[in-house]
N, C-alpha and C. Protein backbone atom coordinates (compact mmCIF):
# COMPACT_ATOMS: atom_id res chain seq x y z
N UNK A 1 136.51 108.41 123.66
CA UNK A 1 135.54 109.49 123.72
C UNK A 1 134.17 109.01 123.26
N UNK A 2 134.10 108.13 122.26
CA UNK A 2 132.83 107.66 121.74
C UNK A 2 132.02 106.97 122.83
N UNK A 3 132.63 106.08 123.59
CA UNK A 3 131.92 105.35 124.65
C UNK A 3 131.38 106.34 125.69
N UNK A 4 132.17 107.35 126.05
CA UNK A 4 131.73 108.33 127.03
C UNK A 4 130.52 109.12 126.51
N UNK A 5 130.54 109.50 125.24
CA UNK A 5 129.41 110.22 124.66
C UNK A 5 128.18 109.33 124.68
N UNK A 6 128.33 108.07 124.27
CA UNK A 6 127.18 107.17 124.22
C UNK A 6 126.62 106.90 125.61
N UNK A 7 127.48 106.70 126.60
CA UNK A 7 127.00 106.49 127.96
C UNK A 7 126.29 107.72 128.50
N UNK A 8 126.85 108.89 128.25
CA UNK A 8 126.21 110.14 128.70
C UNK A 8 124.86 110.32 128.03
N UNK A 9 124.81 110.06 126.74
CA UNK A 9 123.56 110.23 125.99
C UNK A 9 122.50 109.27 126.50
N UNK A 10 122.85 108.02 126.65
CA UNK A 10 121.86 107.04 127.09
C UNK A 10 121.42 107.31 128.52
N UNK A 11 122.35 107.66 129.38
CA UNK A 11 121.97 107.97 130.77
C UNK A 11 121.00 109.14 130.81
N UNK A 12 121.25 110.14 129.97
CA UNK A 12 120.34 111.29 129.94
C UNK A 12 118.97 110.90 129.42
N UNK A 13 118.94 110.06 128.39
CA UNK A 13 117.66 109.63 127.83
C UNK A 13 116.90 108.77 128.83
N UNK A 14 117.59 107.81 129.45
CA UNK A 14 116.92 106.97 130.45
C UNK A 14 116.44 107.83 131.61
N UNK A 15 117.29 108.74 132.04
CA UNK A 15 116.88 109.63 133.14
C UNK A 15 115.68 110.45 132.77
N UNK A 16 115.66 110.95 131.56
CA UNK A 16 114.53 111.77 131.12
C UNK A 16 113.25 110.95 131.06
N UNK A 17 113.35 109.74 130.59
CA UNK A 17 112.15 108.92 130.45
C UNK A 17 111.65 108.40 131.79
N UNK A 18 112.52 108.23 132.75
CA UNK A 18 112.15 107.54 133.98
C UNK A 18 111.47 108.40 135.04
N UNK A 19 111.66 109.69 135.06
CA UNK A 19 111.02 110.50 136.09
C UNK A 19 109.50 110.41 136.03
N UNK A 20 109.01 110.16 134.83
CA UNK A 20 107.57 110.00 134.65
C UNK A 20 107.01 108.99 135.66
N UNK A 21 107.82 108.01 136.01
CA UNK A 21 107.37 106.95 136.88
C UNK A 21 107.66 107.20 138.35
N UNK A 22 108.30 108.30 138.67
CA UNK A 22 108.70 108.55 140.05
C UNK A 22 107.51 108.54 141.00
N UNK A 23 106.42 109.17 140.61
CA UNK A 23 105.27 109.21 141.52
C UNK A 23 104.53 107.89 141.52
N UNK A 24 104.41 107.24 140.37
CA UNK A 24 103.66 105.99 140.31
C UNK A 24 104.42 104.83 140.91
N UNK A 25 105.74 104.85 140.79
CA UNK A 25 106.53 103.71 141.24
C UNK A 25 107.19 103.94 142.58
N UNK A 26 107.15 105.14 143.09
CA UNK A 26 107.80 105.44 144.37
C UNK A 26 109.27 105.71 144.18
N UNK A 27 109.97 106.01 145.28
CA UNK A 27 111.38 106.34 145.17
C UNK A 27 112.22 105.14 144.77
N UNK A 28 113.32 105.42 144.08
CA UNK A 28 114.27 104.39 143.70
C UNK A 28 115.40 104.41 144.71
N UNK A 29 115.79 103.23 145.21
CA UNK A 29 116.77 103.14 146.29
C UNK A 29 118.11 102.62 145.80
N UNK A 30 119.14 102.78 146.62
CA UNK A 30 120.51 102.35 146.31
C UNK A 30 120.76 100.92 146.79
N UNK A 31 119.91 99.97 146.50
CA UNK A 31 120.11 98.63 147.04
C UNK A 31 120.55 97.62 145.99
N UNK A 32 121.00 98.07 144.82
CA UNK A 32 121.48 97.17 143.78
C UNK A 32 122.87 97.61 143.36
N UNK A 33 123.56 96.71 142.69
CA UNK A 33 124.95 96.97 142.33
C UNK A 33 125.11 97.84 141.09
N UNK A 34 124.07 98.02 140.30
CA UNK A 34 124.20 98.81 139.08
C UNK A 34 124.49 100.27 139.40
N UNK A 35 125.16 100.95 138.49
CA UNK A 35 125.45 102.36 138.70
C UNK A 35 124.17 103.18 138.81
N UNK A 36 124.28 104.29 139.45
CA UNK A 36 123.15 105.19 139.63
C UNK A 36 123.00 106.05 138.39
N UNK A 37 121.76 106.22 137.96
CA UNK A 37 121.47 107.13 136.86
C UNK A 37 121.25 108.50 137.47
N UNK A 38 121.99 109.47 137.03
CA UNK A 38 121.90 110.80 137.62
C UNK A 38 120.69 111.57 137.13
N UNK A 39 120.40 112.67 137.79
CA UNK A 39 119.23 113.46 137.42
C UNK A 39 119.45 114.23 136.13
N UNK A 40 118.38 114.47 135.45
CA UNK A 40 118.39 115.35 134.29
C UNK A 40 117.55 116.55 134.69
N UNK A 41 118.14 117.72 134.65
CA UNK A 41 117.50 118.91 135.19
C UNK A 41 117.12 119.86 134.06
N UNK A 42 116.01 120.56 134.23
CA UNK A 42 115.68 121.66 133.33
C UNK A 42 115.15 121.26 131.99
N UNK A 43 114.34 120.22 131.92
CA UNK A 43 113.76 119.81 130.65
C UNK A 43 112.89 120.90 130.07
N UNK A 44 112.88 120.98 128.76
CA UNK A 44 112.09 122.01 128.09
C UNK A 44 110.60 121.69 128.10
N UNK A 45 110.26 120.44 128.29
CA UNK A 45 108.86 120.04 128.21
C UNK A 45 108.48 119.26 129.45
N UNK A 46 107.33 119.58 130.01
CA UNK A 46 106.85 118.82 131.17
C UNK A 46 106.53 117.40 130.79
N UNK A 47 106.33 117.13 129.50
CA UNK A 47 106.04 115.78 129.04
C UNK A 47 107.29 114.90 129.04
N UNK A 48 108.47 115.50 129.21
CA UNK A 48 109.69 114.71 129.25
C UNK A 48 109.99 114.33 130.69
N UNK A 49 109.71 113.09 131.06
CA UNK A 49 109.93 112.66 132.43
C UNK A 49 111.40 112.50 132.75
N UNK A 50 111.76 112.59 134.04
CA UNK A 50 113.14 112.47 134.49
C UNK A 50 113.23 111.56 135.70
N UNK A 51 114.35 110.89 135.84
CA UNK A 51 114.60 110.03 137.00
C UNK A 51 115.21 110.86 138.11
N UNK A 52 114.68 110.78 139.32
CA UNK A 52 115.27 111.53 140.43
C UNK A 52 116.63 110.95 140.80
N UNK A 53 117.45 111.78 141.41
CA UNK A 53 118.77 111.34 141.87
C UNK A 53 118.61 110.18 142.83
N UNK A 54 119.53 109.25 142.81
CA UNK A 54 119.53 108.15 143.75
C UNK A 54 118.94 106.87 143.22
N UNK A 55 118.50 106.83 141.96
CA UNK A 55 117.91 105.62 141.42
C UNK A 55 118.97 104.72 140.81
N UNK A 56 118.74 103.41 140.89
CA UNK A 56 119.65 102.46 140.25
C UNK A 56 118.97 101.86 139.03
N UNK A 57 119.74 101.45 138.10
CA UNK A 57 119.24 100.89 136.87
C UNK A 57 118.51 99.57 137.09
N UNK A 58 119.07 98.69 137.90
CA UNK A 58 118.40 97.41 138.17
C UNK A 58 117.04 97.61 138.81
N UNK A 59 116.96 98.53 139.75
CA UNK A 59 115.69 98.78 140.42
C UNK A 59 114.68 99.37 139.44
N UNK A 60 115.14 100.28 138.60
CA UNK A 60 114.26 100.87 137.60
C UNK A 60 113.68 99.79 136.69
N UNK A 61 114.53 98.90 136.21
CA UNK A 61 114.07 97.82 135.32
C UNK A 61 113.04 96.95 136.02
N UNK A 62 113.32 96.59 137.26
CA UNK A 62 112.38 95.76 138.02
C UNK A 62 111.04 96.47 138.18
N UNK A 63 111.08 97.74 138.52
CA UNK A 63 109.83 98.50 138.70
C UNK A 63 109.06 98.63 137.39
N UNK A 64 109.76 98.84 136.31
CA UNK A 64 109.08 98.94 135.02
C UNK A 64 108.46 97.60 134.63
N UNK A 65 109.17 96.51 134.86
CA UNK A 65 108.62 95.20 134.55
C UNK A 65 107.36 94.93 135.36
N UNK A 66 107.38 95.31 136.64
CA UNK A 66 106.20 95.15 137.49
C UNK A 66 105.05 96.00 136.96
N UNK A 67 105.35 97.24 136.62
CA UNK A 67 104.30 98.12 136.09
C UNK A 67 103.70 97.54 134.82
N UNK A 68 104.52 97.01 133.94
CA UNK A 68 104.02 96.49 132.67
C UNK A 68 103.23 95.19 132.86
N UNK A 69 103.49 94.47 133.93
CA UNK A 69 102.65 93.32 134.25
C UNK A 69 101.24 93.80 134.59
N UNK A 70 101.15 94.92 135.29
CA UNK A 70 99.86 95.47 135.71
C UNK A 70 99.20 96.35 134.65
N UNK A 71 100.01 97.04 133.85
CA UNK A 71 99.49 97.97 132.83
C UNK A 71 100.23 97.69 131.51
N UNK A 72 99.88 96.59 130.84
CA UNK A 72 100.66 96.17 129.66
C UNK A 72 100.52 97.09 128.45
N UNK A 73 99.56 98.00 128.46
CA UNK A 73 99.37 98.90 127.32
C UNK A 73 100.03 100.26 127.52
N UNK A 74 100.91 100.39 128.49
CA UNK A 74 101.58 101.66 128.78
C UNK A 74 102.79 101.81 127.86
N UNK A 75 102.60 102.51 126.75
CA UNK A 75 103.67 102.63 125.76
C UNK A 75 104.88 103.39 126.29
N UNK A 76 104.68 104.33 127.21
CA UNK A 76 105.82 105.08 127.77
C UNK A 76 106.66 104.15 128.66
N UNK A 77 106.01 103.28 129.41
CA UNK A 77 106.76 102.33 130.24
C UNK A 77 107.57 101.38 129.37
N UNK A 78 106.98 100.91 128.27
CA UNK A 78 107.72 100.05 127.36
C UNK A 78 108.93 100.78 126.77
N UNK A 79 108.73 102.03 126.38
CA UNK A 79 109.84 102.81 125.83
C UNK A 79 110.94 103.02 126.86
N UNK A 80 110.53 103.33 128.08
CA UNK A 80 111.50 103.55 129.15
C UNK A 80 112.25 102.27 129.48
N UNK A 81 111.55 101.14 129.47
CA UNK A 81 112.21 99.86 129.70
C UNK A 81 113.23 99.58 128.60
N UNK A 82 112.87 99.89 127.36
CA UNK A 82 113.82 99.71 126.26
C UNK A 82 115.06 100.56 126.45
N UNK A 83 114.87 101.80 126.85
CA UNK A 83 116.01 102.69 127.14
C UNK A 83 116.87 102.15 128.28
N UNK A 84 116.21 101.63 129.29
CA UNK A 84 116.95 101.08 130.44
C UNK A 84 117.78 99.87 130.02
N UNK A 85 117.22 99.03 129.16
CA UNK A 85 117.99 97.88 128.66
C UNK A 85 119.20 98.33 127.84
N UNK A 86 119.04 99.38 127.04
CA UNK A 86 120.17 99.91 126.27
C UNK A 86 121.26 100.36 127.23
N UNK A 87 120.88 101.11 128.25
CA UNK A 87 121.86 101.58 129.23
C UNK A 87 122.51 100.40 129.97
N UNK A 88 121.71 99.42 130.34
CA UNK A 88 122.26 98.26 131.04
C UNK A 88 123.25 97.51 130.13
N UNK A 89 122.96 97.42 128.85
CA UNK A 89 123.88 96.76 127.91
C UNK A 89 125.20 97.51 127.86
N UNK A 90 125.15 98.82 127.89
CA UNK A 90 126.38 99.62 127.83
C UNK A 90 127.17 99.54 129.13
N UNK A 91 126.48 99.55 130.25
CA UNK A 91 127.15 99.50 131.55
C UNK A 91 127.80 98.14 131.77
N UNK A 92 127.09 97.08 131.40
CA UNK A 92 127.58 95.72 131.64
C UNK A 92 128.38 95.17 130.48
N UNK A 93 128.43 95.91 129.37
CA UNK A 93 129.08 95.47 128.13
C UNK A 93 128.50 94.12 127.71
N UNK A 94 127.18 94.02 127.76
CA UNK A 94 126.47 92.81 127.39
C UNK A 94 125.53 93.13 126.22
N UNK A 95 126.01 92.93 124.99
CA UNK A 95 125.19 93.28 123.83
C UNK A 95 123.94 92.43 123.67
N UNK A 96 123.82 91.31 124.38
CA UNK A 96 122.61 90.50 124.28
C UNK A 96 121.39 91.25 124.83
N UNK A 97 121.64 92.25 125.67
CA UNK A 97 120.52 93.05 126.19
C UNK A 97 119.90 93.94 125.13
N UNK A 98 120.60 94.15 124.02
CA UNK A 98 120.02 94.94 122.94
C UNK A 98 118.77 94.27 122.37
N UNK A 99 118.73 92.94 122.37
CA UNK A 99 117.53 92.24 121.89
C UNK A 99 116.34 92.54 122.79
N UNK A 100 116.56 92.58 124.11
CA UNK A 100 115.48 92.94 125.03
C UNK A 100 115.02 94.37 124.78
N UNK A 101 115.98 95.26 124.58
CA UNK A 101 115.65 96.66 124.30
C UNK A 101 114.83 96.75 123.02
N UNK A 102 115.26 96.03 122.01
CA UNK A 102 114.57 96.04 120.73
C UNK A 102 113.12 95.58 120.89
N UNK A 103 112.92 94.51 121.67
CA UNK A 103 111.57 94.00 121.90
C UNK A 103 110.69 94.99 122.64
N UNK A 104 111.23 95.61 123.68
CA UNK A 104 110.45 96.58 124.47
C UNK A 104 110.10 97.80 123.62
N UNK A 105 111.04 98.27 122.83
CA UNK A 105 110.79 99.44 121.99
C UNK A 105 109.80 99.12 120.86
N UNK A 106 109.90 97.92 120.31
CA UNK A 106 108.93 97.51 119.28
C UNK A 106 107.52 97.45 119.85
N UNK A 107 107.39 96.94 121.07
CA UNK A 107 106.07 96.90 121.72
C UNK A 107 105.55 98.31 121.96
N UNK A 108 106.42 99.21 122.37
CA UNK A 108 106.02 100.59 122.60
C UNK A 108 105.50 101.23 121.31
N UNK A 109 106.22 101.03 120.22
CA UNK A 109 105.80 101.58 118.92
C UNK A 109 104.51 100.90 118.45
N UNK A 110 104.37 99.61 118.71
CA UNK A 110 103.13 98.91 118.33
C UNK A 110 101.93 99.54 119.03
N UNK A 111 102.12 99.91 120.29
CA UNK A 111 101.03 100.49 121.07
C UNK A 111 100.73 101.93 120.67
N UNK A 112 101.75 102.68 120.26
CA UNK A 112 101.55 104.08 119.86
C UNK A 112 102.65 104.48 118.90
N UNK A 113 102.31 104.55 117.64
CA UNK A 113 103.31 104.92 116.64
C UNK A 113 103.14 106.36 116.14
N UNK A 114 102.26 107.14 116.78
CA UNK A 114 102.03 108.50 116.30
C UNK A 114 102.53 109.59 117.24
N UNK A 115 102.46 109.39 118.55
CA UNK A 115 102.88 110.43 119.50
C UNK A 115 104.04 109.99 120.39
N UNK A 116 104.63 108.88 120.07
CA UNK A 116 105.57 108.20 120.96
C UNK A 116 107.02 108.63 120.73
N UNK A 117 107.32 109.89 121.03
CA UNK A 117 108.69 110.38 120.83
C UNK A 117 109.68 109.68 121.75
N UNK A 118 109.23 109.20 122.91
CA UNK A 118 110.13 108.50 123.84
C UNK A 118 110.67 107.22 123.21
N UNK A 119 109.83 106.49 122.50
CA UNK A 119 110.29 105.27 121.84
C UNK A 119 111.32 105.59 120.76
N UNK A 120 111.12 106.70 120.04
CA UNK A 120 112.10 107.07 119.03
C UNK A 120 113.43 107.47 119.66
N UNK A 121 113.39 108.07 120.84
CA UNK A 121 114.63 108.34 121.57
C UNK A 121 115.32 107.02 121.92
N UNK A 122 114.53 106.04 122.34
CA UNK A 122 115.08 104.72 122.65
C UNK A 122 115.64 104.03 121.43
N UNK A 123 114.93 104.11 120.32
CA UNK A 123 115.43 103.50 119.08
C UNK A 123 116.71 104.17 118.62
N UNK A 124 116.81 105.47 118.82
CA UNK A 124 118.04 106.18 118.48
C UNK A 124 119.20 105.71 119.36
N UNK A 125 118.94 105.58 120.66
CA UNK A 125 119.99 105.11 121.58
C UNK A 125 120.40 103.68 121.24
N UNK A 126 119.43 102.84 120.90
CA UNK A 126 119.73 101.45 120.53
C UNK A 126 120.57 101.41 119.26
N UNK A 127 120.19 102.19 118.26
CA UNK A 127 120.96 102.23 117.02
C UNK A 127 122.40 102.71 117.29
N UNK A 128 122.54 103.72 118.13
CA UNK A 128 123.89 104.19 118.49
C UNK A 128 124.69 103.10 119.17
N UNK A 129 124.04 102.38 120.08
CA UNK A 129 124.72 101.28 120.77
C UNK A 129 125.20 100.21 119.81
N UNK A 130 124.49 100.04 118.73
CA UNK A 130 124.86 99.07 117.71
C UNK A 130 125.76 99.68 116.63
N UNK A 131 126.16 100.90 116.85
CA UNK A 131 127.04 101.66 115.93
C UNK A 131 126.38 101.91 114.58
N UNK A 132 125.05 101.97 114.56
CA UNK A 132 124.30 102.34 113.37
C UNK A 132 123.93 103.81 113.52
N UNK A 133 124.90 104.69 113.28
CA UNK A 133 124.70 106.10 113.56
C UNK A 133 123.76 106.77 112.55
N UNK A 134 123.71 106.26 111.33
CA UNK A 134 122.73 106.78 110.37
C UNK A 134 121.32 106.45 110.84
N UNK A 135 121.12 105.24 111.34
CA UNK A 135 119.83 104.86 111.91
C UNK A 135 119.49 105.68 113.13
N UNK A 136 120.49 105.93 113.97
CA UNK A 136 120.27 106.75 115.16
C UNK A 136 119.81 108.15 114.78
N UNK A 137 120.41 108.70 113.76
CA UNK A 137 120.01 110.02 113.28
C UNK A 137 118.56 109.99 112.78
N UNK A 138 118.21 108.97 112.00
CA UNK A 138 116.85 108.86 111.45
C UNK A 138 115.82 108.76 112.57
N UNK A 139 116.09 107.93 113.58
CA UNK A 139 115.14 107.80 114.69
C UNK A 139 115.01 109.09 115.48
N UNK A 140 116.11 109.77 115.70
CA UNK A 140 116.05 111.05 116.42
C UNK A 140 115.22 112.06 115.63
N UNK A 141 115.43 112.09 114.33
CA UNK A 141 114.66 113.01 113.49
C UNK A 141 113.17 112.67 113.51
N UNK A 142 112.82 111.39 113.50
CA UNK A 142 111.42 110.99 113.58
C UNK A 142 110.81 111.44 114.91
N UNK A 143 111.56 111.26 115.98
CA UNK A 143 111.07 111.71 117.28
C UNK A 143 110.87 113.22 117.32
N UNK A 144 111.78 113.94 116.70
CA UNK A 144 111.67 115.40 116.68
C UNK A 144 110.50 115.89 115.82
N UNK A 145 110.08 115.09 114.86
CA UNK A 145 108.86 115.42 114.11
C UNK A 145 107.64 115.39 115.03
N UNK A 146 107.68 114.52 116.03
CA UNK A 146 106.58 114.42 116.99
C UNK A 146 106.69 115.50 118.06
N UNK A 147 107.89 115.66 118.61
CA UNK A 147 108.12 116.66 119.67
C UNK A 147 109.35 117.49 119.33
N UNK A 148 109.16 118.60 118.64
CA UNK A 148 110.31 119.42 118.24
C UNK A 148 110.95 120.19 119.39
N UNK A 149 110.46 120.01 120.60
CA UNK A 149 111.02 120.68 121.77
C UNK A 149 111.68 119.71 122.73
N UNK A 150 111.99 118.51 122.27
CA UNK A 150 112.62 117.50 123.12
C UNK A 150 114.13 117.68 123.13
N UNK A 151 114.64 118.13 124.25
CA UNK A 151 116.09 118.29 124.35
C UNK A 151 116.79 116.94 124.26
N UNK A 152 116.15 115.90 124.76
CA UNK A 152 116.73 114.56 124.72
C UNK A 152 116.94 114.11 123.27
N UNK A 153 115.94 114.35 122.43
CA UNK A 153 116.08 113.96 121.03
C UNK A 153 117.11 114.80 120.30
N UNK A 154 117.24 116.08 120.65
CA UNK A 154 118.31 116.89 120.05
C UNK A 154 119.67 116.36 120.48
N UNK A 155 119.77 115.89 121.71
CA UNK A 155 121.02 115.28 122.16
C UNK A 155 121.36 114.03 121.38
N UNK A 156 120.34 113.18 121.17
CA UNK A 156 120.54 111.96 120.40
C UNK A 156 120.93 112.29 118.96
N UNK A 157 120.28 113.31 118.39
CA UNK A 157 120.61 113.73 117.03
C UNK A 157 122.04 114.26 116.95
N UNK A 158 122.41 115.08 117.92
CA UNK A 158 123.76 115.62 117.94
C UNK A 158 124.81 114.54 118.07
N UNK A 159 124.55 113.55 118.91
CA UNK A 159 125.49 112.43 119.08
C UNK A 159 125.66 111.66 117.77
N UNK A 160 124.53 111.39 117.10
CA UNK A 160 124.60 110.66 115.83
C UNK A 160 125.36 111.46 114.78
N UNK A 161 125.05 112.74 114.68
CA UNK A 161 125.73 113.59 113.69
C UNK A 161 127.23 113.65 113.97
N UNK A 162 127.60 113.72 115.24
CA UNK A 162 129.01 113.76 115.59
C UNK A 162 129.72 112.48 115.15
N UNK A 163 129.08 111.34 115.39
CA UNK A 163 129.67 110.07 114.99
C UNK A 163 129.76 109.93 113.47
N UNK A 164 128.85 110.60 112.77
CA UNK A 164 128.87 110.59 111.30
C UNK A 164 129.78 111.68 110.74
N UNK A 165 130.47 112.39 111.62
CA UNK A 165 131.41 113.46 111.28
C UNK A 165 130.71 114.59 110.53
N UNK A 166 129.48 114.86 110.91
CA UNK A 166 128.74 116.02 110.41
C UNK A 166 128.81 117.08 111.51
N UNK A 167 129.97 117.71 111.61
CA UNK A 167 130.26 118.58 112.75
C UNK A 167 129.32 119.76 112.86
N UNK A 168 128.97 120.39 111.75
CA UNK A 168 128.06 121.53 111.81
C UNK A 168 126.68 121.11 112.29
N UNK A 169 126.19 119.98 111.77
CA UNK A 169 124.87 119.47 112.19
C UNK A 169 124.91 119.05 113.65
N UNK A 170 126.01 118.44 114.09
CA UNK A 170 126.15 118.03 115.50
C UNK A 170 126.14 119.25 116.40
N UNK A 171 126.86 120.28 116.00
CA UNK A 171 126.91 121.50 116.79
C UNK A 171 125.54 122.17 116.88
N UNK A 172 124.84 122.23 115.74
CA UNK A 172 123.51 122.85 115.73
C UNK A 172 122.54 122.10 116.64
N UNK A 173 122.57 120.77 116.58
CA UNK A 173 121.68 119.96 117.42
C UNK A 173 122.04 120.13 118.90
N UNK A 174 123.33 120.15 119.19
CA UNK A 174 123.77 120.32 120.58
C UNK A 174 123.39 121.69 121.12
N UNK A 175 123.53 122.72 120.30
CA UNK A 175 123.15 124.06 120.73
C UNK A 175 121.65 124.17 120.96
N UNK A 176 120.87 123.49 120.13
CA UNK A 176 119.42 123.47 120.32
C UNK A 176 119.08 122.77 121.64
N UNK A 177 119.79 121.69 121.94
CA UNK A 177 119.59 120.98 123.21
C UNK A 177 119.90 121.91 124.38
N UNK A 178 121.01 122.63 124.30
CA UNK A 178 121.39 123.55 125.37
C UNK A 178 120.33 124.64 125.53
N UNK A 179 119.83 125.15 124.41
CA UNK A 179 118.80 126.18 124.47
C UNK A 179 117.52 125.70 125.14
N UNK A 180 117.18 124.44 124.93
CA UNK A 180 115.97 123.88 125.51
C UNK A 180 116.16 123.42 126.96
N UNK A 181 117.38 122.96 127.27
CA UNK A 181 117.65 122.40 128.59
C UNK A 181 119.11 122.64 128.96
N UNK A 182 119.42 123.80 129.52
CA UNK A 182 120.82 124.12 129.84
C UNK A 182 121.29 123.42 131.12
N UNK A 183 121.50 122.11 131.01
CA UNK A 183 121.93 121.33 132.16
C UNK A 183 123.26 120.65 131.86
N UNK A 184 123.73 119.84 132.78
CA UNK A 184 125.04 119.19 132.63
C UNK A 184 125.09 118.31 131.39
N UNK A 185 124.04 117.54 131.14
CA UNK A 185 124.04 116.64 129.98
C UNK A 185 124.16 117.42 128.68
N UNK A 186 123.40 118.50 128.54
CA UNK A 186 123.44 119.25 127.28
C UNK A 186 124.75 120.03 127.16
N UNK A 187 125.23 120.59 128.25
CA UNK A 187 126.48 121.36 128.17
C UNK A 187 127.67 120.46 127.89
N UNK A 188 127.69 119.24 128.43
CA UNK A 188 128.80 118.33 128.15
C UNK A 188 128.76 117.89 126.69
N UNK A 189 127.57 117.65 126.16
CA UNK A 189 127.45 117.30 124.74
C UNK A 189 127.96 118.45 123.86
N UNK A 190 127.55 119.63 124.22
CA UNK A 190 127.94 120.81 123.45
C UNK A 190 129.46 120.95 123.41
N UNK A 191 130.12 120.62 124.51
CA UNK A 191 131.58 120.76 124.57
C UNK A 191 132.28 119.83 123.58
N UNK A 192 131.66 118.69 123.23
CA UNK A 192 132.26 117.75 122.27
C UNK A 192 132.23 118.30 120.85
N UNK A 193 131.32 119.22 120.58
CA UNK A 193 131.16 119.69 119.20
C UNK A 193 131.89 121.01 118.95
N UNK A 194 132.55 121.54 119.96
CA UNK A 194 133.27 122.81 119.78
C UNK A 194 134.57 122.59 119.02
């Protein structure tokens, strides 16, 4: 169950971060072997980007790398790339990709450490991937200090609390996520805390 929760959480976070690039990067196609990241629907904030249905992880990473070659100061692209590396590490069971995620997220925070809730979502996902659930909780809480309406960060917080066996806190975070974004990702998370 833990792996399924972590994969769902990371896919939702990557999906949420990636839609921001849909218009700038164009459509994502099914021409790579990586699994497709599904859509995240009904975000509470227009500032929370989402990946459209039909995108692949490999293509997303390639597009983000290209964008960062052209716009190296784009902290959201760095954060999204970090999230994508976390997801790729989980899908491929290759923990060496966590170092790439760590580097991309550190660059994102270096560029913007005050409004960058997306990077804190990525740091939370990375900490969860490394089974540092206390760290995951801390990063999610930091992100929520910046954007208290981020359903993605409430999901990350709920996942961390669940792994720390703080069932009431996990349930509260999951219910807040559902209230902000009543979609498949939030409802499936909520079902784990019942």
